PDB file of N, CA and C in Angstrom:
ATOM      1  N   MET A   1       0.301  -1.782  -0.038  1.00  0.00           N
ATOM      2  CA  MET A   1       0.017  -0.359  -0.030  1.00  0.00           C
ATOM      3  C   MET A   1       0.755   1.099  -0.187  1.00  0.00           C
ATOM      4  N   LYS A   2       0.693   2.171  -1.012  1.00  0.00           N
ATOM      5  CA  LYS A   2       1.797   3.083  -1.152  1.00  0.00           C
ATOM      6  C   LYS A   2       0.178   4.734   0.374  1.00  0.00           C
ATOM      7  N   ILE A   3       1.133   4.791   1.080  1.00  0.00           N
ATOM      8  CA  ILE A   3       1.383   6.791   1.602  1.00  0.00           C
ATOM      9  C   ILE A   3       1.427   7.305   1.350  1.00  0.00           C
ATOM     10  N   GLN A   4      -0.010   8.533   0.725  1.00  0.00           N
ATOM     11  CA  GLN A   4      -0.314   9.591   0.460  1.00  0.00           C
ATOM     12  C   GLN A   4       0.944  10.678   1.692  1.00  0.00           C
ATOM     13  N   LYS A   5       1.498  11.126   0.416  1.00  0.00           N
ATOM     14  CA  LYS A   5       2.007  12.348   1.196  1.00  0.00           C
ATOM     15  C   LYS A   5       1.336  13.386   1.442  1.00  0.00           C
ATOM     16  N   THR A   6       1.132  14.114   2.863  1.00  0.00           N
ATOM     17  CA  THR A   6       0.609  15.192   2.879  1.00  0.00           C
ATOM     18  C   THR A   6       0.742  16.168   2.291  1.00  0.00           C
ATOM     19  N   SER A   7       0.170  17.354   1.830  1.00  0.00           N
ATOM     20  CA  SER A   7       0.691  17.990   1.322  1.00  0.00           C
ATOM     21  C   SER A   7       1.067  18.947   1.787  1.00  0.00           C
ATOM     22  N   THR A   8       2.325  19.435   1.556  1.00  0.00           N
ATOM     23  CA  THR A   8       3.177  20.880   2.797  1.00  0.00           C
ATOM     24  C   THR A   8       3.309  22.268   2.306  1.00  0.00           C
ATOM     25  N   LEU A   9       3.298  23.196   2.970  1.00  0.00           N
ATOM     26  CA  LEU A   9       3.853  24.105   3.144  1.00  0.00           C
ATOM     27  C   LEU A   9       4.492  24.473   1.688  1.00  0.00           C
ATOM     28  N   PHE A  10       5.752  24.323   1.632  1.00  0.00           N
ATOM     29  CA  PHE A  10       6.407  23.752   0.394  1.00  0.00           C
ATOM     30  C   PHE A  10       5.655  23.619  -1.066  1.00  0.00           C
ATOM     31  N   ASP A  11       5.411  22.425  -0.583  1.00  0.00           N
ATOM     32  CA  ASP A  11       4.707  21.947  -1.692  1.00  0.00           C
ATOM     33  C   ASP A  11       3.126  22.927  -2.616  1.00  0.00           C
ATOM     34  N   LYS A  12       2.406  23.597  -1.329  1.00  0.00           N
ATOM     35  CA  LYS A  12       1.613  24.759  -1.803  1.00  0.00           C
ATOM     36  C   LYS A  12       2.373  25.759  -2.208  1.00  0.00           C
ATOM     37  N   GLY A  13       3.653  25.639  -2.474  1.00  0.00           N
ATOM     38  CA  GLY A  13       4.566  27.359  -3.162  1.00  0.00           C
ATOM     39  C   GLY A  13       4.947  27.840  -2.165  1.00  0.00           C
ATOM     40  N   LEU A  14       4.786  28.141  -0.867  1.00  0.00           N
ATOM     41  CA  LEU A  14       5.068  28.918   0.645  1.00  0.00           C
ATOM     42  C   LEU A  14       5.984  29.366   0.742  1.00  0.00           C
ATOM     43  N   TYR A  15       6.856  28.842  -0.015  1.00  0.00           N
ATOM     44  CA  TYR A  15       8.354  29.587   0.897  1.00  0.00           C
ATOM     45  C   TYR A  15       9.593  28.494  -0.217  1.00  0.00           C
ATOM     46  N   ARG A  16      10.192  28.662  -0.510  1.00  0.00           N
ATOM     47  CA  ARG A  16      11.062  28.071  -1.169  1.00  0.00           C
ATOM     48  C   ARG A  16      12.890  28.704   0.025  1.00  0.00           C
ATOM     49  N   ILE A  17      13.886  27.151  -0.272  1.00  0.00           N
ATOM     50  CA  ILE A  17      14.877  27.700  -0.153  1.00  0.00           C
ATOM     51  C   ILE A  17      16.152  28.200  -1.112  1.00  0.00           C
ATOM     52  N   VAL A  18      16.605  29.705  -0.105  1.00  0.00           N
ATOM     53  CA  VAL A  18      17.397  29.992  -0.751  1.00  0.00           C
ATOM     54  C   VAL A  18      19.021  30.163  -0.250  1.00  0.00           C
ATOM     55  N   GLU A  19      20.364  30.177  -1.247  1.00  0.00           N
ATOM     56  CA  GLU A  19      21.513  29.660  -0.599  1.00  0.00           C
ATOM     57  C   GLU A  19      21.715  31.333  -1.623  1.00  0.00           C
ATOM     58  N   ASN A  20      23.228  31.432  -0.160  1.00  0.00           N
ATOM     59  CA  ASN A  20      23.681  32.881  -0.838  1.00  0.00           C
ATOM     60  C   ASN A  20      25.394  32.584  -0.483  1.00  0.00           C
ATOM     61  N   PRO A  21      26.416  32.451  -1.425  1.00  0.00           N
ATOM     62  CA  PRO A  21      27.469  31.941  -1.269  1.00  0.00           C
ATOM     63  C   PRO A  21      28.513  32.453  -1.021  1.00  0.00           C
ATOM     64  N   PHE A  22      28.123  33.940   0.122  1.00  0.00           N
ATOM     65  CA  PHE A  22      29.006  34.413   1.354  1.00  0.00           C
ATOM     66  C   PHE A  22      27.899  33.648   2.464  1.00  0.00           C
ATOM     67  N   GLU A  23      27.153  33.094   2.644  1.00  0.00           N
ATOM     68  CA  GLU A  23      26.736  32.524   4.465  1.00  0.00           C
ATOM     69  C   GLU A  23      26.758  30.635   3.872  1.00  0.00           C
ATOM     70  N   GLU A  24      27.306  30.105   5.117  1.00  0.00           N
ATOM     71  CA  GLU A  24      27.539  29.288   4.994  1.00  0.00           C
ATOM     72  C   GLU A  24      26.404  27.710   5.140  1.00  0.00           C
ATOM     73  N   ASN A  25      24.874  28.224   5.643  1.00  0.00           N
ATOM     74  CA  ASN A  25      23.740  28.014   5.489  1.00  0.00           C
ATOM     75  C   ASN A  25      22.907  28.761   3.972  1.00  0.00           C
ATOM     76  N   ALA A  26      21.510  27.457   3.995  1.00  0.00           N
ATOM     77  CA  ALA A  26      20.805  28.092   2.982  1.00  0.00           C
ATOM     78  C   ALA A  26      20.139  28.939   3.801  1.00  0.00           C
ATOM     79  N   ALA A  27      19.121  29.327   3.511  1.00  0.00           N
ATOM     80  CA  ALA A  27      17.806  30.189   4.078  1.00  0.00           C
ATOM     81  C   ALA A  27      16.789  30.227   3.195  1.00  0.00           C
ATOM     82  N   VAL A  28      15.410  31.182   4.139  1.00  0.00           N
ATOM     83  CA  VAL A  28      14.460  30.104   3.817  1.00  0.00           C
ATOM     84  C   VAL A  28      13.963  31.855   3.194  1.00  0.00           C
ATOM     85  N   GLU A  29      13.066  31.679   1.930  1.00  0.00           N
ATOM     86  CA  GLU A  29      12.401  32.797   1.317  1.00  0.00           C
ATOM     87  C   GLU A  29      10.816  32.433   1.517  1.00  0.00           C
ATOM     88  N   ILE A  30      10.499  33.424   1.729  1.00  0.00           N
ATOM     89  CA  ILE A  30       8.529  33.493   2.222  1.00  0.00           C
ATOM     90  C   ILE A  30       8.191  33.459   1.146  1.00  0.00           C
ATOM     91  N   LEU A  31       7.442  33.416  -0.014  1.00  0.00           N
ATOM     92  CA  LEU A  31       7.456  33.640  -0.871  1.00  0.00           C
ATOM     93  C   LEU A  31       5.674  34.135  -2.091  1.00  0.00           C
ATOM     94  N   GLU A  32       4.513  33.938  -0.174  1.00  0.00           N
ATOM     95  CA  GLU A  32       3.137  34.412  -0.369  1.00  0.00           C
ATOM     96  C   GLU A  32       2.585  35.015   1.053  1.00  0.00           C
ATOM     97  N   GLY A  33       1.560  35.189   0.623  1.00  0.00           N
ATOM     98  CA  GLY A  33       0.936  36.265   1.738  1.00  0.00           C
ATOM     99  C   GLY A  33       1.572  37.152   1.805  1.00  0.00           C
ATOM    100  N   GLU A  34       1.190  37.803   3.533  1.00  0.00           N
ATOM    101  CA  GLU A  34       2.111  38.815   4.655  1.00  0.00           C
ATOM    102  C   GLU A  34       3.151  39.070   4.051  1.00  0.00           C
ATOM    103  N   TYR A  35       3.688  37.947   4.482  1.00  0.00           N
ATOM    104  CA  TYR A  35       5.182  38.376   4.749  1.00  0.00           C
ATOM    105  C   TYR A  35       5.909  38.095   3.644  1.00  0.00           C
ATOM    106  N   LYS A  36       5.348  37.991   2.158  1.00  0.00           N
ATOM    107  CA  LYS A  36       5.867  37.920   0.925  1.00  0.00           C
ATOM    108  C   LYS A  36       7.328  38.406   1.018  1.00  0.00           C
ATOM    109  N   GLY A  37       8.151  37.747   0.326  1.00  0.00           N
ATOM    110  CA  GLY A  37      10.042  38.365   0.597  1.00  0.00           C
ATOM    111  C   GLY A  37      10.535  38.409   1.624  1.00  0.00           C
ATOM    112  N   LEU A  38       9.895  38.031   2.451  1.00  0.00           N
ATOM    113  CA  LEU A  38      11.033  37.833   3.859  1.00  0.00           C
ATOM    114  C   LEU A  38      12.469  36.887   3.686  1.00  0.00           C
ATOM    115  N   VAL A  39      13.040  37.223   3.486  1.00  0.00           N
ATOM    116  CA  VAL A  39      14.425  36.044   4.724  1.00  0.00           C
ATOM    117  C   VAL A  39      15.093  36.131   5.431  1.00  0.00           C
ATOM    118  N   TYR A  40      15.433  34.281   6.082  1.00  0.00           N
ATOM    119  CA  TYR A  40      15.554  34.483   6.988  1.00  0.00           C
ATOM    120  C   TYR A  40      16.297  33.100   7.283  1.00  0.00           C
ATOM    121  N   GLN A  41      17.179  33.075   8.081  1.00  0.00           N
ATOM    122  CA  GLN A  41      18.208  31.514   8.587  1.00  0.00           C
ATOM    123  C   GLN A  41      17.985  31.371   9.679  1.00  0.00           C
ATOM    124  N   TYR A  42      17.859  29.557  10.294  1.00  0.00           N
ATOM    125  CA  TYR A  42      17.984  29.421  11.482  1.00  0.00           C
ATOM    126  C   TYR A  42      19.020  30.139  11.916  1.00  0.00           C
ATOM    127  N   GLY A  43      18.809  29.732  13.347  1.00  0.00           N
ATOM    128  CA  GLY A  43      20.219  29.338  14.036  1.00  0.00           C
ATOM    129  C   GLY A  43      19.839  28.142  14.740  1.00  0.00           C
ATOM    130  N   GLN A  44      20.001  28.377  16.262  1.00  0.00           N
ATOM    131  CA  GLN A  44      20.250  27.350  16.982  1.00  0.00           C
ATOM    132  C   GLN A  44      19.057  27.006  17.638  1.00  0.00           C
ATOM    133  N   VAL A  45      18.873  25.144  17.424  1.00  0.00           N
ATOM    134  CA  VAL A  45      17.438  24.639  17.879  1.00  0.00           C
ATOM    135  C   VAL A  45      17.289  23.603  18.725  1.00  0.00           C
ATOM    136  N   SER A  46      16.659  23.511  19.760  1.00  0.00           N
ATOM    137  CA  SER A  46      15.920  22.723  20.793  1.00  0.00           C
ATOM    138  C   SER A  46      14.903  22.453  20.399  1.00  0.00           C
ATOM    139  N   PHE A  47      14.354  21.315  21.840  1.00  0.00           N
ATOM    140  CA  PHE A  47      13.372  20.969  21.493  1.00  0.00           C
ATOM    141  C   PHE A  47      13.466  20.555  23.325  1.00  0.00           C
ATOM    142  N   GLU A  48      12.048  21.365  23.715  1.00  0.00           N
ATOM    143  CA  GLU A  48      11.708  20.720  25.386  1.00  0.00           C
ATOM    144  C   GLU A  48      11.513  19.792  26.116  1.00  0.00           C
ATOM    145  N   ASP A  49      12.205  18.998  26.626  1.00  0.00           N
ATOM    146  CA  ASP A  49      11.869  17.625  27.579  1.00  0.00           C
ATOM    147  C   ASP A  49      10.865  17.566  28.000  1.00  0.00           C
ATOM    148  N   GLY A  50       9.610  16.591  26.716  1.00  0.00           N
ATOM    149  CA  GLY A  50       8.527  15.772  27.980  1.00  0.00           C
ATOM    150  C   GLY A  50       7.210  17.143  26.731  1.00  0.00           C
ATOM    151  N   GLU A  51       7.716  18.280  26.050  1.00  0.00           N
ATOM    152  CA  GLU A  51       6.846  19.069  25.971  1.00  0.00           C
ATOM    153  C   GLU A  51       6.261  19.066  23.719  1.00  0.00           C
ATOM    154  N   PRO A  52       5.869  18.984  23.246  1.00  0.00           N
ATOM    155  CA  PRO A  52       5.088  19.459  22.275  1.00  0.00           C
ATOM    156  C   PRO A  52       5.895  20.450  21.826  1.00  0.00           C
ATOM    157  N   GLN A  53       6.866  21.207  22.490  1.00  0.00           N
ATOM    158  CA  GLN A  53       7.579  22.571  21.576  1.00  0.00           C
ATOM    159  C   GLN A  53       9.153  22.634  21.162  1.00  0.00           C
ATOM    160  N   ILE A  54       9.217  23.666  20.263  1.00  0.00           N
ATOM    161  CA  ILE A  54      10.015  23.485  19.745  1.00  0.00           C
ATOM    162  C   ILE A  54      11.154  24.944  19.504  1.00  0.00           C
ATOM    163  N   ASN A  55      12.670  25.280  19.817  1.00  0.00           N
ATOM    164  CA  ASN A  55      12.666  26.611  20.343  1.00  0.00           C
ATOM    165  C   ASN A  55      13.468  26.762  19.738  1.00  0.00           C
ATOM    166  N   PHE A  56      13.420  27.697  18.099  1.00  0.00           N
ATOM    167  CA  PHE A  56      14.784  28.422  17.544  1.00  0.00           C
ATOM    168  C   PHE A  56      15.494  29.831  17.204  1.00  0.00           C
ATOM    169  N   GLN A  57      16.517  29.779  17.227  1.00  0.00           N
ATOM    170  CA  GLN A  57      16.728  31.241  16.905  1.00  0.00           C
ATOM    171  C   GLN A  57      16.887  31.458  15.310  1.00  0.00           C
ATOM    172  N   ARG A  58      16.686  32.377  14.454  1.00  0.00           N
ATOM    173  CA  ARG A  58      16.757  32.937  13.642  1.00  0.00           C
ATOM    174  C   ARG A  58      17.074  34.417  13.322  1.00  0.00           C
ATOM    175  N   THR A  59      17.967  34.401  11.972  1.00  0.00           N
ATOM    176  CA  THR A  59      18.288  35.443  11.953  1.00  0.00           C
ATOM    177  C   THR A  59      17.248  36.414  10.248  1.00  0.00           C
ATOM    178  N   ILE A  60      16.295  37.270  10.103  1.00  0.00           N
ATOM    179  CA  ILE A  60      16.119  37.734   9.704  1.00  0.00           C
ATOM    180  C   ILE A  60      16.980  38.377   8.210  1.00  0.00           C
ATOM    181  N   ARG A  61      17.426  38.234   7.111  1.00  0.00           N
ATOM    182  CA  ARG A  61      18.338  38.544   6.410  1.00  0.00           C
ATOM    183  C   ARG A  61      17.643  39.886   5.354  1.00  0.00           C
ATOM    184  N   LYS A  62      16.228  39.398   4.762  1.00  0.00           N
ATOM    185  CA  LYS A  62      16.207  40.064   4.144  1.00  0.00           C
ATOM    186  C   LYS A  62      14.005  40.994   4.283  1.00  0.00           C
ATOM    187  N   ILE A  63      13.701  41.913   4.742  1.00  0.00           N
ATOM    188  CA  ILE A  63      13.044  42.794   4.888  1.00  0.00           C
ATOM    189  C   ILE A  63      12.023  43.297   4.253  1.00  0.00           C
ATOM    190  N   PRO A  64      10.597  42.235   3.786  1.00  0.00           N
ATOM    191  CA  PRO A  64       9.705  43.419   2.324  1.00  0.00           C
ATOM    192  C   PRO A  64       9.594  44.544   2.927  1.00  0.00           C
ATOM    193  N   GLU A  65       9.583  44.978   1.704  1.00  0.00           N
ATOM    194  CA  GLU A  65       9.649  46.848   2.050  1.00  0.00           C
ATOM    195  C   GLU A  65       8.137  47.331   2.840  1.00  0.00           C
ATOM    196  N   ASP A  66       6.969  46.513   2.789  1.00  0.00           N
ATOM    197  CA  ASP A  66       6.197  47.080   3.747  1.00  0.00           C
ATOM    198  C   ASP A  66       5.928  46.890   5.650  1.00  0.00           C
ATOM    199  N   GLN A  67       7.224  46.168   5.865  1.00  0.00           N
ATOM    200  CA  GLN A  67       7.603  45.843   7.366  1.00  0.00           C
ATOM    201  C   GLN A  67       8.463  46.287   8.328  1.00  0.00           C
ATOM    202  N   ASP A  68       8.777  46.050   9.243  1.00  0.00           N
ATOM    203  CA  ASP A  68       9.358  46.629  10.337  1.00  0.00           C
ATOM    204  C   ASP A  68      10.233  45.500  11.495  1.00  0.00           C
ATOM    205  N   LEU A  69      10.985  45.460  11.054  1.00  0.00           N
ATOM    206  CA  LEU A  69      11.633  44.549  11.718  1.00  0.00           C
ATOM    207  C   LEU A  69      11.678  44.150  12.572  1.00  0.00           C
ATOM    208  N   ASP A  70      11.747  45.074  13.869  1.00  0.00           N
ATOM    209  CA  ASP A  70      11.156  44.925  15.115  1.00  0.00           C
ATOM    210  C   ASP A  70      10.000  44.101  15.378  1.00  0.00           C
ATOM    211  N   ASN A  71       8.424  44.595  14.604  1.00  0.00           N
ATOM    212  CA  ASN A  71       6.925  44.028  14.197  1.00  0.00           C
ATOM    213  C   ASN A  71       7.126  42.648  13.683  1.00  0.00           C
ATOM    214  N   LEU A  72       8.268  42.674  13.374  1.00  0.00           N
ATOM    215  CA  LEU A  72       8.155  41.164  12.167  1.00  0.00           C
ATOM    216  C   LEU A  72       9.376  40.182  13.969  1.00  0.00           C
ATOM    217  N   MET A  73      10.027  40.865  14.320  1.00  0.00           N
ATOM    218  CA  MET A  73      10.915  40.069  15.475  1.00  0.00           C
ATOM    219  C   MET A  73       9.448  39.618  16.421  1.00  0.00           C
ATOM    220  N   LYS A  74       8.647  40.780  16.372  1.00  0.00           N
ATOM    221  CA  LYS A  74       7.402  40.431  17.345  1.00  0.00           C
ATOM    222  C   LYS A  74       6.224  39.224  17.768  1.00  0.00           C
ATOM    223  N   ASP A  75       6.117  39.301  15.954  1.00  0.00           N
ATOM    224  CA  ASP A  75       4.639  38.904  15.883  1.00  0.00           C
ATOM    225  C   ASP A  75       4.890  37.427  15.212  1.00  0.00           C
ATOM    226  N   GLU A  76       4.216  37.224  16.825  1.00  0.00           N
ATOM    227  CA  GLU A  76       3.486  35.513  17.194  1.00  0.00           C
ATOM    228  C   GLU A  76       3.261  34.923  15.688  1.00  0.00           C
ATOM    229  N   SER A  77       2.381  35.331  15.142  1.00  0.00           N
ATOM    230  CA  SER A  77       1.661  34.874  13.690  1.00  0.00           C
ATOM    231  C   SER A  77       3.016  34.401  12.902  1.00  0.00           C
ATOM    232  N   LEU A  78       4.086  35.454  12.471  1.00  0.00           N
ATOM    233  CA  LEU A  78       5.090  34.890  11.774  1.00  0.00           C
ATOM    234  C   LEU A  78       5.838  33.778  12.868  1.00  0.00           C
ATOM    235  N   ASN A  79       6.375  34.047  13.813  1.00  0.00           N
ATOM    236  CA  ASN A  79       7.000  33.042  14.674  1.00  0.00           C
ATOM    237  C   ASN A  79       6.466  31.393  14.788  1.00  0.00           C
ATOM    238  N   ASN A  80       5.221  31.463  14.784  1.00  0.00           N
ATOM    239  CA  ASN A  80       4.239  30.244  14.444  1.00  0.00           C
ATOM    240  C   ASN A  80       4.760  29.669  12.948  1.00  0.00           C
ATOM    241  N   LEU A  81       4.761  30.470  11.595  1.00  0.00           N
ATOM    242  CA  LEU A  81       5.286  30.300  10.520  1.00  0.00           C
ATOM    243  C   LEU A  81       6.679  29.529  10.411  1.00  0.00           C
ATOM    244  N   MET A  82       7.272  30.453  11.159  1.00  0.00           N
ATOM    245  CA  MET A  82       8.628  29.913  11.144  1.00  0.00           C
ATOM    246  C   MET A  82       8.789  28.481  11.207  1.00  0.00           C
ATOM    247  N   GLY A  83       8.350  28.349  12.892  1.00  0.00           N
ATOM    248  CA  GLY A  83       8.323  26.946  13.589  1.00  0.00           C
ATOM    249  C   GLY A  83       7.739  25.981  12.635  1.00  0.00           C
ATOM    250  N   ASP A  84       6.624  25.829  12.351  1.00  0.00           N
ATOM    251  CA  ASP A  84       5.369  25.380  10.569  1.00  0.00           C
ATOM    252  C   ASP A  84       6.933  24.736  10.031  1.00  0.00           C
ATOM    253  N   ILE A  85       7.497  25.807   9.182  1.00  0.00           N
ATOM    254  CA  ILE A  85       8.194  25.619   8.174  1.00  0.00           C
ATOM    255  C   ILE A  85       9.378  24.909   8.100  1.00  0.00           C
ATOM    256  N   LEU A  86       9.702  24.940   9.813  1.00  0.00           N
ATOM    257  CA  LEU A  86      11.533  24.311  10.388  1.00  0.00           C
ATOM    258  C   LEU A  86      11.154  23.004  11.022  1.00  0.00           C
ATOM    259  N   VAL A  87       9.245  22.867  11.533  1.00  0.00           N
ATOM    260  CA  VAL A  87       8.620  21.234  11.842  1.00  0.00           C
ATOM    261  C   VAL A  87       9.122  20.381   9.955  1.00  0.00           C
ATOM    262  N   GLU A  88       8.386  21.101   9.172  1.00  0.00           N
ATOM    263  CA  GLU A  88       8.573  20.402   7.764  1.00  0.00           C
ATOM    264  C   GLU A  88      10.266  20.447   7.190  1.00  0.00           C
ATOM    265  N   LEU A  89      10.933  21.154   7.566  1.00  0.00           N
ATOM    266  CA  LEU A  89      12.407  20.863   6.989  1.00  0.00           C
ATOM    267  C   LEU A  89      13.026  19.314   7.738  1.00  0.00           C
ATOM    268  N   ILE A  90      12.321  20.056   9.016  1.00  0.00           N
ATOM    269  CA  ILE A  90      13.042  19.125  10.054  1.00  0.00           C
ATOM    270  C   ILE A  90      12.691  17.020   9.516  1.00  0.00           C
ATOM    271  N   GLN A  91      11.367  17.304   9.475  1.00  0.00           N
ATOM    272  CA  GLN A  91      10.404  15.970   8.990  1.00  0.00           C
ATOM    273  C   GLN A  91      10.912  15.253   7.019  1.00  0.00           C
ATOM    274  N   GLU A  92      11.166  16.638   6.113  1.00  0.00           N
ATOM    275  CA  GLU A  92      12.364  16.045   4.901  1.00  0.00           C
ATOM    276  C   GLU A  92      13.541  15.552   5.479  1.00  0.00           C
ATOM    277  N   GLN A  93      13.972  16.617   6.077  1.00  0.00           N
ATOM    278  CA  GLN A  93      15.683  15.493   6.263  1.00  0.00           C
ATOM    279  C   GLN A  93      15.030  14.208   6.953  1.00  0.00           C
ATOM    280  N   ILE A  94      14.063  14.093   7.969  1.00  0.00           N
ATOM    281  CA  ILE A  94      14.317  12.228   8.262  1.00  0.00           C
ATOM    282  C   ILE A  94      14.008  11.613   7.147  1.00  0.00           C
ATOM    283  N   ARG A  95      13.117  12.039   6.782  1.00  0.00           N
ATOM    284  CA  ARG A  95      12.483  10.877   5.543  1.00  0.00           C
ATOM    285  C   ARG A  95      13.900  10.386   4.421  1.00  0.00           C
ATOM    286  N   LYS A  96      14.220  12.192   4.185  1.00  0.00           N
ATOM    287  CA  LYS A  96      16.258  11.319   3.201  1.00  0.00           C
ATOM    288  C   LYS A  96      16.771  10.553   3.985  1.00  0.00           C
ATOM    289  N   GLU A  97      17.102  10.623   4.914  1.00  0.00           N
ATOM    290  CA  GLU A  97      17.703  10.230   6.280  1.00  0.00           C
ATOM    291  C   GLU A  97      17.260   8.770   5.743  1.00  0.00           C
ATOM    292  N   ASN A  98      16.092   8.843   6.424  1.00  0.00           N
ATOM    293  CA  ASN A  98      15.550   7.122   6.209  1.00  0.00           C
ATOM    294  C   ASN A  98      15.149   6.122   4.898  1.00  0.00           C
ATOM    295  N   GLU A  99      15.310   6.533   3.855  1.00  0.00           N
ATOM    296  CA  GLU A  99      15.591   6.539   2.727  1.00  0.00           C
ATOM    297  C   GLU A  99      16.810   6.198   2.416  1.00  0.00           C
ATOM    298  N   ARG A 100      17.877   7.156   2.018  1.00  0.00           N
ATOM    299  CA  ARG A 100      19.440   6.863   2.295  1.00  0.00           C
ATOM    300  C   ARG A 100      19.856   5.723   3.311  1.00  0.00           C
ATOM    301  N   ASP A 101      19.692   5.507   3.688  1.00  0.00           N
ATOM    302  CA  ASP A 101      19.269   4.165   5.168  1.00  0.00           C
ATOM    303  C   ASP A 101      19.316   2.811   4.601  1.00  0.00           C
ATOM    304  N   SER A 102      17.906   2.603   3.710  1.00  0.00           N
ATOM    305  CA  SER A 102      16.764   1.718   3.917  1.00  0.00           C
ATOM    306  C   SER A 102      17.611   1.563   1.981  1.00  0.00           C
ATOM    307  N   THR A 103      18.653   2.222   1.775  1.00  0.00           N
ATOM    308  CA  THR A 103      18.484   2.436   0.327  1.00  0.00           C
ATOM    309  C   THR A 103      20.490   1.454   0.441  1.00  0.00           C
ATOM    310  N   GLU A 104      20.543   1.908   2.080  1.00  0.00           N
ATOM    311  CA  GLU A 104      21.683   1.033   1.776  1.00  0.00           C
ATOM    312  C   GLU A 104      22.034   0.063   2.867  1.00  0.00           C
ATOM    313  N   ARG A 105      21.022  -0.994   2.979  1.00  0.00           N
ATOM    314  CA  ARG A 105      20.774  -2.002   3.112  1.00  0.00           C
ATOM    315  C   ARG A 105      19.955  -2.862   2.693  1.00  0.00           C
ATOM    316  N   THR A 106      19.544  -2.702   1.147  1.00  0.00           N
ATOM    317  CA  THR A 106      19.159  -3.184   0.653  1.00  0.00           C
ATOM    318  C   THR A 106      20.608  -3.543  -0.884  1.00  0.00           C
ATOM    319  N   ASP A 107      22.106  -2.586  -0.518  1.00  0.00           N
ATOM    320  CA  ASP A 107      23.068  -2.842  -1.503  1.00  0.00           C
ATOM    321  C   ASP A 107      23.903  -4.032  -1.075  1.00  0.00           C
TER     322      ASP A 107
END
């Protein structure tokens, strides 16, 4: 039986991964909605023991013209969106690692 993958924010075109030749880590660019044009990078990520909560640092690299950095840093909706994207990115990384491990075992 084939498992149907749920539609992700990436699949919906909400964001994309962008690289900067002067930065070691890639960044995320928001492509749609209120935060369109925002580019940011994740810093340290941690999980709370026994809690369904993820903590992360972020650095905003590009601010949309109609936004203000201070307001963006305090914006709970943006923080939640960044958290949702981070969870999605982690899940995708785990999926890729599991596929690689599965392929290596069958070789």
